Amino acid sequence: MNDDSPRARLYYLFGPNNTPQRGSWLARFPAGIFAISLGLFGLAGAWRRADAYGLSSAQGISDLIFFPALAVWIVSVLLYLLKCRRHSQAVLAEFRHPVQGALLSLLPLSALLAIFLLQQPGQGIWLLACVCALGLNGLIACRTVYLLAVGKLPHNAVTPALYLPVVAGFLVGAMTLASLHHEVVAAVLFGTGVSGWAILEMRVLGQLFEGPMPEPLRATIGIELAPPAVATLAAATIWPGLSAQAIAVGIGMTMLPIVSVFARYHWWSRTPFAIGFWSFSFPAAAFASIVLEAGHRGGWPSWIGTLALFTATAVIAWLVLRTLALLFRGRLLSQ
């Protein structure tokens, strides 16, 4: 499997016939569904920042996004727990899979972001929930790093999905702990996430620059945009006194990944729409948030942050409409 062409389809993702495995819809219920909640939570957080910085009606829009997102997340969790009970072997197979195992971290990631938005530092239940989510993400991250370290990760399984447990999980965890007033531990997690980014960056980019990702995974290329934007957002959250110039450095670090992703537009844009395209949602929301932060702290013209926020909103609104279309056609879980 390590000798596969980098352009080869991940046949072991779907089976030897390159077609999705059939069976109960619950058994096929993907962990990737949590990318929907993650993106919506991120957008709600961006609008909440806009409200704090004086954009009228922003809080109402934030609530309008957050509460439906929370409902979607709760339903997704309940369904996945039911899947764990009725199809435990399928869940175990996902955990052991070199790509699907990394995507499982979307569950704790979305939970951490929900806790961050709820922001209840005085109640121990939120800290306990945060620790549990971090524990699950840590387990997934350790397995991912182990597969990389001992050379057991197939060559064409080195994709941006690996960033989720090893980088994003720790960075979002750092933000959440900072909101719960545990800044020192948050700083430790921030360092862990940045070191994970450094470990993965050359491997992932080297693989991406060799040629197109396997077709079933092309929609997830949006995750490539996440590390610089999320790292900058985490830093701005942990250290409220961080200057606009420092945040601007993070904005600059996001520019080349954006160019890199859209330079390959001709091959990922031809992929039929699937849940994987929600990989663009959280990076877009995080980028809007850091532009808003930099604009507020540096006294930039307000239209810059507003433009970034409206762009992220338009991207996620498009994803919502396409996802609803799949749902109404009964094809959401057939992707």
Protein backbone atom coordinates (compact mmCIF):
# COMPACT_ATOMS: atom_id res chain seq x y z
CA MET A 1 0.00 0.00 0.00
CA ASN A 2 2.93 2.34 0.65
CA ASP A 3 3.98 1.72 -2.98
CA ASP A 4 0.69 2.99 -4.39
CA SER A 5 0.85 5.84 -6.89
CA PRO A 6 0.18 9.16 -5.16
CA ARG A 7 -2.61 9.64 -7.70
CA ALA A 8 -4.23 6.32 -6.85
CA ARG A 9 -7.67 6.18 -5.28
CA LEU A 10 -7.71 5.06 -1.69
CA TYR A 11 -9.40 1.78 -2.54
CA TYR A 12 -9.21 0.78 1.10
CA LEU A 13 -11.42 3.78 1.94
CA PHE A 14 -14.40 2.30 0.06
CA GLY A 15 -13.41 -1.25 -0.83
CA PRO A 16 -11.80 -2.99 -3.78
CA ASN A 17 -14.48 -1.85 -6.23
CA ASN A 18 -14.02 1.86 -5.48
CA THR A 19 -17.64 2.17 -4.46
CA PRO A 20 -19.03 3.07 -1.04
CA GLN A 21 -19.78 0.08 1.17
CA ARG A 22 -23.48 -0.70 1.39
CA GLY A 23 -25.44 -1.54 4.49
CA SER A 24 -27.36 0.23 7.22
CA TRP A 25 -27.39 4.01 6.88
CA LEU A 26 -26.43 4.18 10.55
CA ALA A 27 -23.36 2.02 9.95
CA ARG A 28 -22.37 4.46 7.18
CA PHE A 29 -23.01 7.54 9.33
CA PRO A 30 -19.70 9.40 8.93
CA ALA A 31 -17.68 11.25 11.54
CA GLY A 32 -17.19 13.86 8.82
CA ILE A 33 -20.74 15.05 9.53
CA PHE A 34 -19.33 16.95 12.53
CA ALA A 35 -17.55 19.28 10.10
CA ILE A 36 -20.95 20.91 9.57
CA SER A 37 -21.30 21.86 13.24
CA LEU A 38 -17.64 22.87 13.42
CA GLY A 39 -17.99 25.30 10.53
CA LEU A 40 -21.25 26.76 11.85
CA PHE A 41 -19.80 27.18 15.34
CA GLY A 42 -16.79 28.94 13.83
CA LEU A 43 -19.03 31.31 11.88
CA ALA A 44 -21.15 32.04 14.97
CA GLY A 45 -17.93 32.90 16.82
CA ALA A 46 -16.85 35.26 14.04
CA TRP A 47 -20.18 37.12 14.17
CA ARG A 48 -19.89 37.29 17.96
CA ARG A 49 -16.52 39.02 17.58
CA ALA A 50 -18.08 41.42 15.10
CA ASP A 51 -20.74 42.27 17.70
CA ALA A 52 -18.06 42.94 20.32
CA TYR A 53 -16.43 45.34 17.86
CA GLY A 54 -19.58 47.30 17.13
CA LEU A 55 -21.21 45.73 14.07
CA SER A 56 -24.94 46.26 14.49
CA SER A 57 -27.20 43.18 14.64
CA ALA A 58 -24.17 40.89 14.74
CA GLN A 59 -25.18 39.24 18.04
CA GLY A 60 -28.60 38.35 16.66
CA ILE A 61 -27.00 36.80 13.58
CA SER A 62 -24.54 34.91 15.79
CA ASP A 63 -27.40 33.41 17.81
CA LEU A 64 -29.29 32.61 14.63
CA ILE A 65 -26.31 30.52 13.52
CA PHE A 66 -25.24 29.08 16.88
CA PHE A 67 -28.47 27.52 18.13
CA PRO A 68 -29.31 25.60 14.93
CA ALA A 69 -25.65 24.51 14.84
CA LEU A 70 -25.96 23.28 18.41
CA ALA A 71 -29.10 21.35 17.50
CA VAL A 72 -27.34 19.76 14.51
CA TRP A 73 -24.38 18.86 16.75
CA ILE A 74 -26.59 17.25 19.42
CA VAL A 75 -28.45 15.17 16.83
CA SER A 76 -25.13 14.15 15.24
CA VAL A 77 -23.70 13.10 18.61
CA LEU A 78 -26.79 11.05 19.47
CA LEU A 79 -26.70 9.30 16.10
CA TYR A 80 -22.99 8.57 16.39
CA LEU A 81 -23.44 7.20 19.90
CA LEU A 82 -26.19 4.97 18.54
CA LYS A 83 -23.79 3.86 15.82
CA CYS A 84 -21.19 3.05 18.50
CA ARG A 85 -23.74 0.85 20.25
CA ARG A 86 -25.17 -0.95 17.24
CA HIS A 87 -22.17 -1.01 14.90
CA SER A 88 -19.17 -0.98 17.21
CA GLN A 89 -17.03 -2.88 14.69
CA ALA A 90 -17.64 -0.21 12.07
CA VAL A 91 -16.57 2.50 14.53
CA LEU A 92 -13.47 0.51 15.48
CA ALA A 93 -12.61 0.08 11.81
CA GLU A 94 -12.93 3.85 11.33
CA PHE A 95 -10.62 4.51 14.27
CA ARG A 96 -8.01 2.16 12.84
CA HIS A 97 -8.28 3.58 9.33
CA PRO A 98 -5.37 5.86 8.33
CA VAL A 99 -7.69 8.63 7.05
CA GLN A 100 -11.07 8.07 8.69
CA GLY A 101 -9.31 7.78 12.06
CA ALA A 102 -8.06 11.35 11.71
CA LEU A 103 -11.51 12.57 10.65
CA LEU A 104 -12.94 11.15 13.89
CA SER A 105 -11.31 14.09 15.69
CA LEU A 106 -14.05 16.31 14.22
CA LEU A 107 -16.26 15.06 17.06
CA PRO A 108 -14.10 16.36 19.95
CA LEU A 109 -13.12 19.41 17.88
CA SER A 110 -16.72 20.49 17.43
CA ALA A 111 -17.40 19.80 21.13
CA LEU A 112 -14.47 22.02 22.16
CA LEU A 113 -15.67 24.85 19.95
CA ALA A 114 -19.19 24.58 21.35
CA ILE A 115 -17.79 24.83 24.91
CA PHE A 116 -15.71 27.84 23.84
CA LEU A 117 -18.79 29.64 22.55
CA LEU A 118 -20.86 28.81 25.62
CA GLN A 119 -18.09 30.27 27.82
CA GLN A 120 -19.10 29.25 31.34
CA PRO A 121 -15.81 29.42 33.29
CA GLY A 122 -17.48 29.23 36.69
CA GLN A 123 -19.06 25.81 36.19
CA GLY A 124 -16.97 22.67 36.59
CA ILE A 125 -19.11 20.66 34.16
CA TRP A 126 -17.70 22.66 31.23
CA LEU A 127 -14.13 22.02 32.31
CA LEU A 128 -14.91 18.31 32.65
CA ALA A 129 -16.45 18.26 29.18
CA CYS A 130 -13.39 20.06 27.83
CA VAL A 131 -11.02 17.53 29.42
CA CYS A 132 -13.03 14.61 28.02
CA ALA A 133 -12.99 16.10 24.51
CA LEU A 134 -9.26 16.77 24.77
CA GLY A 135 -8.70 13.20 25.96
CA LEU A 136 -10.51 11.76 22.94
CA ASN A 137 -8.66 14.05 20.56
CA GLY A 138 -5.35 13.19 22.25
CA LEU A 139 -6.00 9.49 21.71
CA ILE A 140 -6.65 10.03 18.01
CA ALA A 141 -3.64 12.35 17.70
CA CYS A 142 -1.30 9.85 19.39
CA ARG A 143 -2.38 7.10 17.02
CA THR A 144 -1.88 9.39 14.01
CA VAL A 145 1.61 10.39 15.13
CA TYR A 146 2.44 6.73 15.86
CA LEU A 147 1.45 5.67 12.33
CA LEU A 148 3.63 8.43 10.90
CA ALA A 149 6.58 7.80 13.21
CA VAL A 150 6.86 4.07 12.50
CA GLY A 151 6.17 4.36 8.78
CA LYS A 152 2.82 2.56 8.87
CA LEU A 153 0.84 5.35 7.25
CA PRO A 154 0.24 4.58 3.55
CA HIS A 155 1.85 7.05 1.19
CA ASN A 156 -1.41 8.24 -0.33
CA ALA A 157 -3.04 8.57 3.11
CA VAL A 158 -0.83 11.57 3.94
CA THR A 159 -3.49 14.25 3.46
CA PRO A 160 -4.53 17.48 5.21
CA ALA A 161 -6.95 15.39 7.29
CA LEU A 162 -3.98 14.62 9.55
CA TYR A 163 -3.99 18.24 10.69
CA LEU A 164 -7.31 17.75 12.48
CA PRO A 165 -6.19 15.72 15.53
CA VAL A 166 -2.53 16.72 15.62
CA VAL A 167 -2.89 20.47 15.07
CA ALA A 168 -6.46 21.78 15.17
CA GLY A 169 -7.53 19.68 18.16
CA PHE A 170 -4.82 21.12 20.40
CA LEU A 171 -5.20 24.69 19.12
CA VAL A 172 -8.98 24.75 19.60
CA GLY A 173 -8.47 23.06 22.96
CA ALA A 174 -6.10 25.88 23.89
CA MET A 175 -8.74 28.46 22.97
CA THR A 176 -11.35 26.64 25.03
CA LEU A 177 -9.15 26.33 28.12
CA ALA A 178 -8.22 30.01 27.85
CA SER A 179 -11.93 30.90 27.82
CA LEU A 180 -12.29 28.81 31.00
CA HIS A 181 -9.41 30.79 32.60
CA HIS A 182 -6.77 28.06 32.43
CA GLU A 183 -4.29 30.12 30.45
CA VAL A 184 -1.12 28.24 31.42
CA VAL A 185 -2.42 24.86 30.27
CA ALA A 186 -3.83 26.61 27.22
CA ALA A 187 -0.34 27.86 26.36
CA VAL A 188 1.02 24.32 26.68
CA LEU A 189 -1.63 23.02 24.28
CA PHE A 190 -0.89 25.87 21.90
CA GLY A 191 2.75 24.83 21.82
CA THR A 192 1.71 21.21 21.22
CA GLY A 193 -0.48 22.20 18.29
CA VAL A 194 2.24 24.36 16.73
CA SER A 195 4.80 21.56 17.09
CA GLY A 196 2.34 19.14 15.47
CA TRP A 197 1.95 21.59 12.60
CA ALA A 198 5.72 21.69 12.16
CA ILE A 199 5.95 17.88 12.17
CA LEU A 200 3.22 17.43 9.56
CA GLU A 201 3.72 20.42 7.27
CA MET A 202 6.50 19.15 5.03
CA ARG A 203 5.02 15.64 4.77
CA VAL A 204 1.55 16.88 3.86
CA LEU A 205 2.68 19.63 1.48
CA GLY A 206 5.21 17.36 -0.17
CA GLN A 207 2.47 14.84 -0.87
CA LEU A 208 0.06 17.51 -2.13
CA PHE A 209 2.61 19.01 -4.49
CA GLU A 210 3.30 15.61 -6.08
CA GLY A 211 -0.13 15.52 -7.67
CA PRO A 212 -3.87 15.41 -7.01
CA MET A 213 -5.17 13.80 -3.84
CA PRO A 214 -7.10 10.52 -4.21
CA GLU A 215 -10.48 11.43 -5.65
CA PRO A 216 -12.59 10.40 -2.62
CA LEU A 217 -10.59 12.81 -0.46
CA ARG A 218 -10.23 15.84 -2.74
CA ALA A 219 -13.11 17.68 -1.10
CA THR A 220 -11.17 17.75 2.19
CA ILE A 221 -8.39 19.92 0.76
CA GLY A 222 -9.89 22.93 2.58
CA ILE A 223 -8.28 21.61 5.78
CA GLU A 224 -4.95 22.75 4.33
CA LEU A 225 -6.08 26.34 5.02
CA ALA A 226 -6.71 25.71 8.71
CA PRO A 227 -3.34 25.63 10.58
CA PRO A 228 -2.17 29.26 10.15
CA ALA A 229 -5.65 30.75 10.63
CA VAL A 230 -6.54 28.61 13.65
CA ALA A 231 -3.09 29.05 15.24
CA THR A 232 -3.40 32.83 14.92
CA LEU A 233 -6.92 32.79 16.33
CA ALA A 234 -5.77 30.65 19.27
CA ALA A 235 -2.86 33.00 19.97
CA ALA A 236 -5.16 36.04 19.87
CA THR A 237 -7.53 34.29 22.30
CA ILE A 238 -4.88 33.15 24.78
CA TRP A 239 -3.04 36.49 24.76
CA PRO A 240 -5.61 39.32 24.51
CA GLY A 241 -2.81 41.87 24.42
CA LEU A 242 -1.32 40.46 21.22
CA SER A 243 -0.71 43.30 18.80
CA ALA A 244 -2.39 43.78 15.45
CA GLN A 245 1.02 43.44 13.79
CA ALA A 246 1.48 39.97 15.29
CA ILE A 247 -1.99 38.91 14.10
CA ALA A 248 -1.19 40.38 10.68
CA VAL A 249 1.77 37.98 10.49
CA GLY A 250 -0.71 35.13 10.92
CA ILE A 251 -2.92 36.60 8.21
CA GLY A 252 0.10 36.69 5.91
CA MET A 253 0.91 33.05 6.73
CA THR A 254 -2.60 32.13 5.54
CA MET A 255 -2.17 33.79 2.15
CA LEU A 256 0.08 31.22 0.44
CA PRO A 257 -2.03 28.21 1.52
CA ILE A 258 -5.04 30.00 0.00
CA VAL A 259 -3.14 30.50 -3.27
CA SER A 260 -1.93 26.88 -3.14
CA VAL A 261 -5.43 25.47 -2.70
CA PHE A 262 -7.04 27.60 -5.40
CA ALA A 263 -4.18 26.95 -7.81
CA ARG A 264 -5.49 23.37 -7.85
CA TYR A 265 -9.09 24.46 -8.30
CA HIS A 266 -9.32 22.64 -11.64
CA TRP A 267 -9.18 19.20 -10.03
CA TRP A 268 -10.92 19.52 -6.67
CA SER A 269 -13.76 21.62 -8.12
CA ARG A 270 -14.72 18.73 -10.42
CA THR A 271 -15.39 16.47 -7.48
CA PRO A 272 -19.14 15.92 -6.85
CA PHE A 273 -20.34 17.83 -3.81
CA ALA A 274 -20.06 15.89 -0.56
CA ILE A 275 -19.77 16.58 3.16
CA GLY A 276 -16.01 16.81 2.70
CA PHE A 277 -16.37 20.30 1.22
CA TRP A 278 -17.25 21.51 4.71
CA SER A 279 -13.47 21.38 5.18
CA PHE A 280 -13.48 24.96 3.86
CA SER A 281 -15.94 26.22 6.48
CA PHE A 282 -13.95 26.43 9.71
CA PRO A 283 -10.80 27.85 8.05
CA ALA A 284 -12.95 30.52 6.38
CA ALA A 285 -14.60 31.43 9.69
CA ALA A 286 -11.25 31.43 11.54
CA PHE A 287 -9.73 33.70 8.89
CA ALA A 288 -12.64 36.13 9.20
CA SER A 289 -12.15 36.14 12.99
CA ILE A 290 -8.44 36.98 12.83
CA VAL A 291 -9.07 39.76 10.31
CA LEU A 292 -11.71 41.18 12.69
CA GLU A 293 -9.27 40.88 15.60
CA ALA A 294 -6.45 42.59 13.72
CA GLY A 295 -8.78 45.30 12.50
CA HIS A 296 -10.05 46.03 15.99
CA ARG A 297 -6.64 46.02 17.67
CA GLY A 298 -4.92 47.96 14.88
CA GLY A 299 -7.63 50.48 14.08
CA TRP A 300 -8.04 49.26 10.51
CA PRO A 301 -10.98 50.46 8.40
CA SER A 302 -14.06 48.52 9.47
CA TRP A 303 -14.91 47.43 5.94
CA ILE A 304 -11.90 45.07 5.88
CA GLY A 305 -13.22 42.92 8.73
CA THR A 306 -16.78 43.18 7.42
CA LEU A 307 -15.70 41.99 3.98
CA ALA A 308 -13.89 38.97 5.46
CA LEU A 309 -16.93 38.15 7.61
CA PHE A 310 -19.40 38.39 4.73
CA THR A 311 -17.15 36.29 2.50
CA ALA A 312 -16.96 33.52 5.12
CA THR A 313 -20.74 33.74 5.59
CA ALA A 314 -21.33 33.42 1.84
CA VAL A 315 -19.05 30.36 1.62
CA ILE A 316 -20.80 28.62 4.51
CA ALA A 317 -24.27 29.60 3.26
CA TRP A 318 -23.40 27.93 -0.06
CA LEU A 319 -22.30 24.80 1.81
CA VAL A 320 -25.56 24.77 3.78
CA LEU A 321 -27.65 25.02 0.62
CA ARG A 322 -25.72 22.25 -1.16
CA THR A 323 -25.93 20.03 1.93
CA LEU A 324 -29.69 20.56 2.25
CA ALA A 325 -30.06 19.67 -1.42
CA LEU A 326 -28.25 16.37 -0.80
CA LEU A 327 -30.38 15.71 2.27
CA PHE A 328 -33.68 16.31 0.46
CA ARG A 329 -32.57 14.01 -2.36
CA GLY A 330 -31.68 11.31 0.16
CA ARG A 331 -28.02 11.32 -0.88
CA LEU A 332 -26.35 12.88 2.16
CA LEU A 333 -25.03 9.59 3.51
CA SER A 334 -24.43 7.96 0.14
CA GLN A 335 -21.35 10.11 -0.57
